[in-house]
N, C-alpha and C. Protein backbone atom coordinates (compact mmCIF):
# COMPACT_ATOMS: atom_id res chain seq x y z
N UNK A 1 1.04 -1.32 -0.02
CA UNK A 1 -0.15 0.24 0.28
C UNK A 1 0.95 0.94 0.10
N UNK A 2 1.95 1.22 0.80
CA UNK A 2 2.92 2.51 0.77
C UNK A 2 3.79 2.73 -0.46
N UNK A 3 3.57 1.37 -1.11
CA UNK A 3 4.53 1.91 -2.47
C UNK A 3 3.41 2.46 -3.87
N UNK A 4 2.46 1.99 -3.71
CA UNK A 4 1.53 2.98 -4.42
C UNK A 4 1.24 4.02 -4.26
N UNK A 5 1.25 4.82 -2.93
CA UNK A 5 1.02 6.35 -2.38
C UNK A 5 2.50 6.83 -2.47
N UNK A 6 3.11 6.15 -2.68
CA UNK A 6 4.73 6.76 -3.38
C UNK A 6 4.93 6.82 -4.31
N UNK A 7 4.56 5.73 -5.15
CA UNK A 7 3.75 5.97 -6.38
C UNK A 7 3.49 7.40 -7.02
N UNK A 8 2.26 7.32 -6.91
CA UNK A 8 1.34 8.03 -6.39
C UNK A 8 1.92 9.52 -6.66
N UNK A 9 2.50 9.65 -5.37
CA UNK A 9 3.50 11.09 -5.34
C UNK A 9 3.98 11.41 -5.88
N UNK A 10 5.14 10.48 -6.42
CA UNK A 10 6.35 10.81 -7.23
C UNK A 10 5.63 11.08 -8.68
N UNK A 11 4.27 10.27 -9.06
CA UNK A 11 3.58 10.59 -10.59
C UNK A 11 2.94 12.14 -10.68
N UNK A 12 2.76 12.54 -9.34
CA UNK A 12 2.20 14.04 -9.07
C UNK A 12 3.20 14.82 -9.54
N UNK A 13 4.12 14.76 -8.78
CA UNK A 13 5.84 15.73 -9.15
C UNK A 13 5.78 15.65 -9.89
N UNK A 14 6.22 14.57 -10.69
CA UNK A 14 6.58 14.79 -12.60
C UNK A 14 5.55 15.54 -13.03
N UNK A 15 4.24 15.39 -12.70
CA UNK A 15 3.22 15.46 -13.35
C UNK A 15 3.29 17.48 -13.36
N UNK A 16 3.50 17.78 -12.24
CA UNK A 16 3.38 19.42 -11.85
C UNK A 16 4.46 19.74 -12.18
N UNK A 17 6.29 19.26 -12.43
CA UNK A 17 7.07 19.78 -12.22
C UNK A 17 7.14 19.85 -14.29
N UNK A 18 6.67 19.31 -15.02
CA UNK A 18 6.65 19.02 -16.23
C UNK A 18 5.74 20.00 -17.15
N UNK A 19 4.71 20.87 -16.56
CA UNK A 19 4.44 21.82 -16.91
C UNK A 19 4.50 23.18 -16.56
N UNK A 20 5.10 23.13 -15.82
CA UNK A 20 6.24 24.25 -15.42
C UNK A 20 7.01 24.69 -16.18
N UNK A 21 6.69 25.97 -16.71
CA UNK A 21 7.77 26.33 -17.56
C UNK A 21 8.43 27.83 -16.67
N UNK A 22 9.91 27.44 -17.27
CA UNK A 22 10.66 28.63 -16.58
C UNK A 22 11.78 29.44 -17.71
N UNK A 23 11.31 30.73 -17.57
CA UNK A 23 12.06 31.52 -18.77
C UNK A 23 12.63 32.71 -18.33
N UNK A 24 13.58 32.83 -18.90
CA UNK A 24 14.81 33.34 -18.53
C UNK A 24 15.07 34.72 -19.28
N UNK A 25 14.56 35.30 -19.18
CA UNK A 25 15.13 36.94 -19.85
C UNK A 25 15.68 37.75 -19.45
N UNK A 26 16.67 37.49 -19.90
CA UNK A 26 17.86 38.14 -19.20
C UNK A 26 18.47 39.41 -20.14
N UNK A 27 18.72 39.97 -19.83
CA UNK A 27 19.19 41.58 -21.26
C UNK A 27 20.66 41.07 -21.22
N UNK A 28 21.12 39.91 -22.00
CA UNK A 28 22.51 39.62 -22.81
C UNK A 28 23.14 40.18 -23.68
N UNK A 29 24.04 40.28 -23.60
CA UNK A 29 24.72 40.97 -24.57
C UNK A 29 25.04 39.96 -26.15
N UNK A 30 23.99 40.30 -27.59
CA UNK A 30 24.41 39.17 -28.16
C UNK A 30 26.24 39.29 -29.05
N UNK A 31 26.95 38.70 -29.94
CA UNK A 31 27.68 38.36 -30.44
C UNK A 31 28.08 37.92 -31.76
N UNK A 32 29.27 38.43 -32.58
CA UNK A 32 29.53 38.06 -34.15
C UNK A 32 30.78 37.68 -33.91
N UNK A 33 30.86 36.38 -34.87
CA UNK A 33 32.51 35.60 -34.52
C UNK A 33 32.99 36.17 -35.82
N UNK A 34 34.34 36.85 -35.96
CA UNK A 34 34.92 37.36 -36.80
C UNK A 34 36.27 35.66 -37.04
N UNK A 35 37.36 36.31 -37.36
CA UNK A 35 38.41 35.50 -37.90
C UNK A 35 38.98 34.88 -36.51
N UNK A 36 39.41 33.77 -36.52
CA UNK A 36 40.40 33.16 -35.36
C UNK A 36 41.64 32.88 -36.29
N UNK A 37 42.93 33.70 -35.75
CA UNK A 37 43.90 33.14 -36.54
C UNK A 37 44.55 32.36 -35.77
N UNK A 38 44.83 31.41 -36.87
CA UNK A 38 44.89 29.98 -36.50
C UNK A 38 44.81 29.40 -38.39
N UNK A 39 45.83 28.20 -38.59
CA UNK A 39 45.17 27.56 -39.55
C UNK A 39 43.76 26.82 -39.53
N UNK A 40 44.61 25.44 -39.40
CA UNK A 40 42.88 24.73 -39.61
C UNK A 40 42.53 24.76 -37.79
N UNK A 41 42.75 25.27 -36.75
CA UNK A 41 42.93 25.10 -35.52
C UNK A 41 42.02 26.60 -35.82
N UNK A 42 42.32 27.10 -35.99
CA UNK A 42 41.45 28.51 -35.53
C UNK A 42 40.05 28.39 -36.06
N UNK A 43 39.74 27.68 -37.65
CA UNK A 43 38.59 27.55 -38.13
C UNK A 43 37.49 26.72 -37.42
N UNK A 44 38.58 25.51 -36.41
CA UNK A 44 37.69 24.82 -35.42
C UNK A 44 37.33 25.60 -34.27
N UNK A 45 38.12 26.54 -34.15
CA UNK A 45 37.60 27.00 -33.02
C UNK A 45 36.70 28.26 -33.13
N UNK A 46 36.22 28.81 -34.23
CA UNK A 46 35.68 29.63 -34.75
C UNK A 46 34.22 28.51 -35.03
N UNK A 47 33.80 27.68 -35.37
CA UNK A 47 33.01 26.88 -35.32
C UNK A 47 32.44 26.05 -33.86
N UNK A 48 33.08 26.05 -32.89
CA UNK A 48 33.15 25.88 -32.01
C UNK A 48 32.68 27.27 -31.01
N UNK A 49 33.08 28.28 -31.07
CA UNK A 49 32.14 29.32 -31.16
C UNK A 49 31.13 29.77 -31.11
N UNK A 50 30.76 29.37 -33.03
CA UNK A 50 29.45 29.77 -33.28
C UNK A 50 28.36 28.58 -32.65
N UNK A 51 28.78 27.66 -32.55
CA UNK A 51 28.08 26.51 -32.24
C UNK A 51 27.46 27.02 -30.63
N UNK A 52 28.33 26.85 -29.83
CA UNK A 52 28.32 26.64 -28.71
C UNK A 52 27.62 28.80 -28.02
N UNK A 53 27.69 29.88 -28.61
CA UNK A 53 26.98 30.99 -28.63
C UNK A 53 25.65 30.73 -28.89
N UNK A 54 25.23 30.01 -30.48
CA UNK A 54 24.14 29.75 -30.88
C UNK A 54 23.45 28.79 -29.77
N UNK A 55 24.15 27.98 -28.92
CA UNK A 55 23.10 27.06 -28.17
C UNK A 55 22.51 27.90 -27.21
N UNK A 56 23.27 28.83 -26.22
CA UNK A 56 23.01 30.21 -25.26
C UNK A 56 22.03 31.35 -26.22
N UNK A 57 22.06 31.07 -27.58
CA UNK A 57 20.97 32.24 -27.98
C UNK A 57 22.14 33.76 -27.60
N UNK A 58 23.43 33.68 -28.00
CA UNK A 58 24.13 34.62 -27.60
C UNK A 58 24.75 35.11 -29.07
N UNK A 59 24.25 34.33 -30.63
CA UNK A 59 24.58 34.82 -31.68
C UNK A 59 24.21 35.40 -32.31
N UNK A 60 24.03 36.95 -33.16
CA UNK A 60 23.79 37.55 -33.96
C UNK A 60 24.67 38.48 -34.99
N UNK A 61 24.30 37.75 -36.13
CA UNK A 61 25.36 38.51 -36.89
C UNK A 61 25.20 40.16 -37.10
N UNK A 62 24.27 41.12 -36.97
CA UNK A 62 24.05 42.07 -36.79
C UNK A 62 24.52 42.91 -35.53
N UNK A 63 25.03 42.10 -34.32
CA UNK A 63 25.80 42.58 -33.08
C UNK A 63 26.92 43.60 -33.51
N UNK A 64 26.84 44.50 -32.20
CA UNK A 64 27.95 45.80 -32.31
C UNK A 64 28.80 45.03 -31.66
N UNK A 65 29.03 43.80 -30.99
CA UNK A 65 29.95 42.86 -30.28
C UNK A 65 30.31 41.98 -31.09
N UNK A 66 32.01 42.11 -31.79
CA UNK A 66 32.50 41.60 -32.80
C UNK A 66 33.87 40.01 -31.60
N UNK A 67 33.84 39.01 -31.98
CA UNK A 67 35.07 38.48 -30.85
C UNK A 67 35.70 38.07 -32.35
N UNK A 68 37.36 38.87 -31.81
CA UNK A 68 38.53 37.81 -32.26
C UNK A 68 39.20 37.14 -31.93
N UNK A 69 40.19 36.71 -32.27
CA UNK A 69 40.83 36.42 -31.53
C UNK A 69 42.09 34.99 -32.16
N UNK A 70 43.20 34.55 -31.08
CA UNK A 70 43.91 33.31 -31.88
C UNK A 70 43.77 32.07 -31.11
N UNK A 71 44.29 30.98 -31.77
CA UNK A 71 44.68 29.99 -30.76
C UNK A 71 46.23 29.35 -31.46
N UNK A 72 46.61 28.91 -30.54
CA UNK A 72 48.15 28.41 -30.21
C UNK A 72 48.39 27.01 -29.31
N UNK A 73 49.10 26.31 -30.24
CA UNK A 73 49.15 24.84 -29.73
C UNK A 73 50.60 24.49 -29.95
N UNK A 74 51.17 24.01 -28.91
CA UNK A 74 52.63 23.61 -28.38
C UNK A 74 52.75 22.15 -28.00
N UNK A 75 53.55 21.69 -28.47
CA UNK A 75 53.65 20.09 -28.07
C UNK A 75 55.51 20.31 -27.48
N UNK A 76 55.55 19.30 -26.40
CA UNK A 76 56.63 19.36 -25.81
C UNK A 76 56.94 17.44 -25.63
N UNK A 77 58.05 16.92 -26.19
CA UNK A 77 58.35 15.86 -25.42
C UNK A 77 59.12 15.82 -24.23
N UNK A 78 58.81 14.66 -23.16
CA UNK A 78 59.56 14.59 -21.69
C UNK A 78 59.32 13.55 -21.74
N UNK A 79 60.69 12.77 -20.64
CA UNK A 79 60.84 11.66 -20.35
C UNK A 79 60.33 11.88 -19.05
N UNK A 80 59.59 10.77 -18.39
CA UNK A 80 59.09 10.68 -16.78
C UNK A 80 59.90 9.84 -16.17
N UNK A 81 60.77 9.19 -16.84
CA UNK A 81 61.77 8.14 -15.74
C UNK A 81 63.20 7.66 -16.45
N UNK A 82 63.91 7.14 -15.47
CA UNK A 82 65.12 7.41 -16.03
C UNK A 82 65.87 6.49 -17.07
N UNK A 83 64.77 4.86 -17.02
CA UNK A 83 64.80 3.92 -18.13
C UNK A 83 64.67 4.29 -19.41
N UNK A 84 63.77 5.58 -19.74
CA UNK A 84 62.91 5.81 -20.96
C UNK A 84 61.99 4.75 -21.64
N UNK A 85 61.45 4.57 -20.53
CA UNK A 85 60.14 3.36 -20.78
C UNK A 85 58.97 3.75 -21.09
N UNK A 86 58.37 5.28 -20.89
CA UNK A 86 57.51 5.98 -20.97
C UNK A 86 57.55 7.55 -21.38
N UNK A 87 57.83 7.52 -22.69
CA UNK A 87 57.72 8.90 -23.10
C UNK A 87 56.03 9.39 -23.45
N UNK A 88 56.41 10.59 -22.99
CA UNK A 88 54.85 11.75 -22.94
C UNK A 88 54.94 12.98 -24.03
N UNK A 89 54.10 12.91 -24.52
CA UNK A 89 53.95 14.27 -25.17
C UNK A 89 53.33 15.33 -24.39
N UNK A 90 53.53 16.47 -24.34
CA UNK A 90 52.38 17.50 -23.85
C UNK A 90 52.07 18.26 -24.83
N UNK A 91 50.77 18.52 -24.74
CA UNK A 91 50.26 19.74 -25.84
C UNK A 91 49.71 20.60 -25.12
N UNK A 92 50.27 21.94 -24.71
CA UNK A 92 49.35 23.13 -24.21
C UNK A 92 48.84 24.25 -25.28
N UNK A 93 47.38 24.27 -25.25
CA UNK A 93 46.72 24.83 -25.94
C UNK A 93 46.78 26.53 -25.52
N UNK A 94 46.76 27.61 -25.96
CA UNK A 94 46.67 29.19 -25.34
C UNK A 94 45.59 29.31 -26.54
N UNK A 95 44.21 30.01 -25.89
CA UNK A 95 43.54 30.55 -26.37
C UNK A 95 43.70 32.00 -25.58
N UNK A 96 43.40 32.94 -26.95
CA UNK A 96 43.53 34.68 -26.51
C UNK A 96 42.07 35.25 -27.51
N UNK A 97 41.22 35.64 -27.08
CA UNK A 97 40.10 36.13 -27.48
C UNK A 97 40.21 37.61 -27.35
N UNK A 98 39.64 38.30 -28.21
CA UNK A 98 39.21 40.29 -27.86
C UNK A 98 37.46 40.18 -28.39
N UNK A 99 36.68 41.02 -27.36
CA UNK A 99 35.50 41.85 -28.14
C UNK A 99 35.87 42.75 -28.22
N UNK A 100 35.30 43.37 -29.51
CA UNK A 100 35.37 44.63 -29.79
C UNK A 100 33.84 45.53 -30.09
N UNK A 101 33.39 46.53 -29.64
CA UNK A 101 32.55 46.87 -30.06
C UNK A 101 32.58 47.37 -31.33
N UNK A 102 31.59 48.44 -31.76
CA UNK A 102 31.40 48.87 -33.21
C UNK A 102 32.54 49.84 -33.46
N UNK A 103 33.24 50.59 -32.15
CA UNK A 103 34.11 51.67 -32.93
C UNK A 103 35.43 50.50 -32.91
N UNK A 104 35.46 49.35 -32.84
CA UNK A 104 36.74 48.69 -32.88
C UNK A 104 36.84 48.57 -31.18
N UNK A 105 36.86 49.07 -29.90
CA UNK A 105 37.62 49.12 -28.60
C UNK A 105 37.18 48.15 -28.33
N UNK A 106 38.71 47.63 -27.58
CA UNK A 106 38.28 46.25 -26.98
C UNK A 106 37.51 46.46 -25.55
N UNK A 107 36.18 45.44 -25.68
CA UNK A 107 35.54 45.67 -24.56
C UNK A 107 35.91 44.57 -23.15
N UNK A 108 36.36 43.51 -23.85
CA UNK A 108 36.89 42.47 -23.23
C UNK A 108 38.02 41.71 -24.01
N UNK A 109 38.89 40.94 -22.90
CA UNK A 109 39.82 40.37 -23.12
C UNK A 109 39.78 39.06 -22.48
N UNK A 110 40.45 38.13 -23.24
CA UNK A 110 40.59 36.67 -22.10
C UNK A 110 41.51 35.98 -22.76
N UNK A 111 42.09 35.34 -21.71
CA UNK A 111 43.37 34.88 -22.15
C UNK A 111 43.41 33.58 -21.10
N UNK A 112 43.53 32.68 -21.86
CA UNK A 112 43.70 31.14 -20.71
C UNK A 112 44.37 30.25 -21.79
N UNK A 113 44.83 29.00 -20.61
CA UNK A 113 45.60 27.98 -21.45
C UNK A 113 45.25 26.73 -21.04
N UNK A 114 45.66 26.00 -21.29
CA UNK A 114 45.26 24.39 -20.45
C UNK A 114 46.89 23.43 -21.62
N UNK A 115 46.71 22.33 -20.71
CA UNK A 115 47.81 21.10 -20.82
C UNK A 115 47.56 19.65 -20.97
N UNK A 116 47.44 18.88 -21.68
CA UNK A 116 47.54 17.78 -21.38
C UNK A 116 48.20 16.68 -22.53
N UNK A 117 48.63 15.41 -21.62
CA UNK A 117 49.56 15.01 -22.36
C UNK A 117 49.01 13.65 -23.05
N UNK A 118 49.87 12.89 -23.61
CA UNK A 118 49.63 11.34 -24.01
C UNK A 118 50.88 10.50 -23.96
N UNK A 119 50.60 9.26 -23.34
CA UNK A 119 51.61 8.19 -23.75
C UNK A 119 52.37 8.32 -25.46
N UNK A 120 53.64 8.69 -25.96
CA UNK A 120 53.98 8.77 -27.20
C UNK A 120 54.57 7.17 -27.78
N UNK A 121 54.07 6.72 -28.69
CA UNK A 121 55.03 5.83 -29.15
C UNK A 121 55.83 6.36 -30.12
N UNK A 122 56.71 5.18 -29.81
CA UNK A 122 58.38 5.55 -30.19
C UNK A 122 58.67 6.05 -31.80
N UNK A 123 58.17 5.37 -32.41
CA UNK A 123 57.50 5.32 -34.06
C UNK A 123 56.69 6.35 -34.56
N UNK A 124 57.12 6.70 -35.73
CA UNK A 124 55.99 7.72 -36.43
C UNK A 124 55.19 6.95 -37.27
N UNK A 125 55.43 6.00 -37.21
CA UNK A 125 54.10 4.92 -38.40
C UNK A 125 53.05 4.92 -37.12
N UNK A 126 53.23 4.95 -35.94
CA UNK A 126 52.16 4.76 -35.50
C UNK A 126 50.79 6.12 -35.49
N UNK A 127 49.60 5.68 -36.10
CA UNK A 127 48.46 6.49 -36.44
C UNK A 127 48.16 7.06 -35.48
N UNK A 128 47.99 6.43 -34.05
CA UNK A 128 47.87 6.64 -32.38
C UNK A 128 48.12 7.96 -31.88
N UNK A 129 49.48 8.61 -32.63
CA UNK A 129 49.81 9.67 -32.25
C UNK A 129 49.16 11.30 -33.05
N UNK A 130 49.35 10.61 -34.14
CA UNK A 130 48.38 12.12 -34.70
C UNK A 130 46.92 11.60 -34.20
N UNK A 131 46.22 10.54 -33.93
CA UNK A 131 45.07 10.92 -33.98
C UNK A 131 45.02 11.47 -32.05
N UNK A 132 45.93 11.25 -31.27
CA UNK A 132 45.39 11.59 -30.05
C UNK A 132 45.85 13.04 -30.41
N UNK A 133 47.15 13.96 -31.03
CA UNK A 133 46.88 14.87 -31.01
C UNK A 133 46.31 15.86 -31.11
N UNK A 134 45.19 15.31 -32.20
CA UNK A 134 44.10 15.87 -33.16
C UNK A 134 42.85 15.93 -31.72
N UNK A 135 42.52 14.77 -31.23
CA UNK A 135 42.01 14.87 -30.20
C UNK A 135 42.04 15.53 -29.05
N UNK A 136 43.52 15.64 -28.57
CA UNK A 136 43.91 16.35 -27.75
C UNK A 136 43.21 18.18 -27.77
N UNK A 137 44.07 18.50 -29.42
CA UNK A 137 43.78 19.92 -29.48
C UNK A 137 42.14 20.06 -29.39
N UNK A 138 41.56 19.66 -29.92
CA UNK A 138 40.30 19.62 -30.08
C UNK A 138 39.71 19.61 -28.69
N UNK A 139 40.10 18.82 -27.63
CA UNK A 139 39.26 18.73 -26.52
C UNK A 139 39.64 20.06 -25.70
N UNK A 140 40.92 20.34 -25.98
CA UNK A 140 41.48 21.27 -24.92
C UNK A 140 41.00 22.88 -25.93
N UNK A 141 40.84 22.87 -27.15
CA UNK A 141 39.89 23.79 -27.74
C UNK A 141 38.48 24.11 -27.52
N UNK A 142 38.30 23.32 -26.86
CA UNK A 142 36.31 23.29 -27.09
C UNK A 142 36.62 23.66 -25.22
N UNK A 143 37.36 23.33 -24.32
CA UNK A 143 37.32 23.92 -23.12
C UNK A 143 37.41 24.77 -22.96
N UNK A 144 38.58 25.36 -23.51
CA UNK A 144 38.55 26.78 -23.71
C UNK A 144 37.99 27.88 -24.18
N UNK A 145 36.90 27.29 -25.03
CA UNK A 145 35.62 28.14 -25.74
C UNK A 145 34.92 28.56 -24.70
N UNK A 146 34.25 27.10 -24.11
CA UNK A 146 33.36 27.18 -23.02
C UNK A 146 33.83 27.98 -21.77
N UNK A 147 35.20 28.25 -21.10
CA UNK A 147 35.89 28.64 -20.29
C UNK A 147 35.14 29.67 -20.13
N UNK A 148 35.23 30.55 -21.79
CA UNK A 148 35.27 31.83 -22.60
C UNK A 148 33.38 32.49 -22.20
N UNK A 149 32.98 31.70 -22.98
CA UNK A 149 31.48 31.92 -22.16
C UNK A 149 30.85 32.18 -21.27
N UNK A 150 31.64 30.82 -20.58
CA UNK A 150 30.94 31.11 -19.17
C UNK A 150 31.40 32.55 -18.24
N UNK A 151 32.75 33.26 -19.21
CA UNK A 151 32.83 34.15 -18.17
C UNK A 151 32.39 35.49 -19.05
N UNK A 152 32.01 35.18 -20.34
CA UNK A 152 31.26 37.12 -20.59
C UNK A 152 29.93 36.68 -20.30
N UNK A 153 28.74 35.26 -20.21
CA UNK A 153 27.60 35.58 -20.05
C UNK A 153 27.21 36.19 -18.70
N UNK A 154 26.82 37.46 -18.90
CA UNK A 154 26.17 38.48 -18.39
C UNK A 154 26.86 39.54 -17.88
N UNK A 155 28.07 39.75 -18.45
CA UNK A 155 29.01 40.54 -18.59
C UNK A 155 28.80 41.91 -19.07
N UNK A 156 28.76 43.07 -18.20
CA UNK A 156 28.68 44.11 -18.90
C UNK A 156 30.05 44.44 -19.59
N UNK A 157 29.74 44.57 -20.86
CA UNK A 157 30.98 45.11 -21.78
C UNK A 157 30.73 46.96 -22.30
N UNK A 158 32.01 47.43 -21.75
CA UNK A 158 31.54 48.69 -21.84
C UNK A 158 33.74 48.96 -22.35
N UNK A 159 33.37 50.30 -23.32
CA UNK A 159 34.53 50.24 -23.79
C UNK A 159 35.58 50.95 -22.94
N UNK A 160 37.16 50.61 -22.45
CA UNK A 160 37.69 51.25 -21.77
C UNK A 160 37.97 50.45 -20.24
N UNK A 161 36.84 49.83 -20.29
CA UNK A 161 36.75 48.91 -18.80
C UNK A 161 38.07 47.76 -18.18
């Protein structure tokens, strides 16, 4: 009997919470994305920015705020032990973005970096090395873009601030 009562209460809870719509109308800034300087990685970051800004409804091609920047990836090989059995390659990514207003005045700057490593296969013939580099670069870029969007959400953007 108590199981039935619990199920009825649970059903009522889900019924009432599914009927409630919360709408958050904030006065948020909208942005357009200009070129991100780099080769292929800059295009990927630009696409990530567009995708994430669009998902938060912060993308507007007619916006007075435009985002410019660059991304840089560096790799370093380092050996973690004396007998050289586990070589690792460190990939560090640095994202630098600026938000400019319609007068090309910088209203916000973002600089952040992130690094990860993977176990390095000693031969260049292994496809796992190149795939690991691609995946880590993409993951680093996506994390940094998300960090940027979290930082600018609800930020007051004034020239000379």
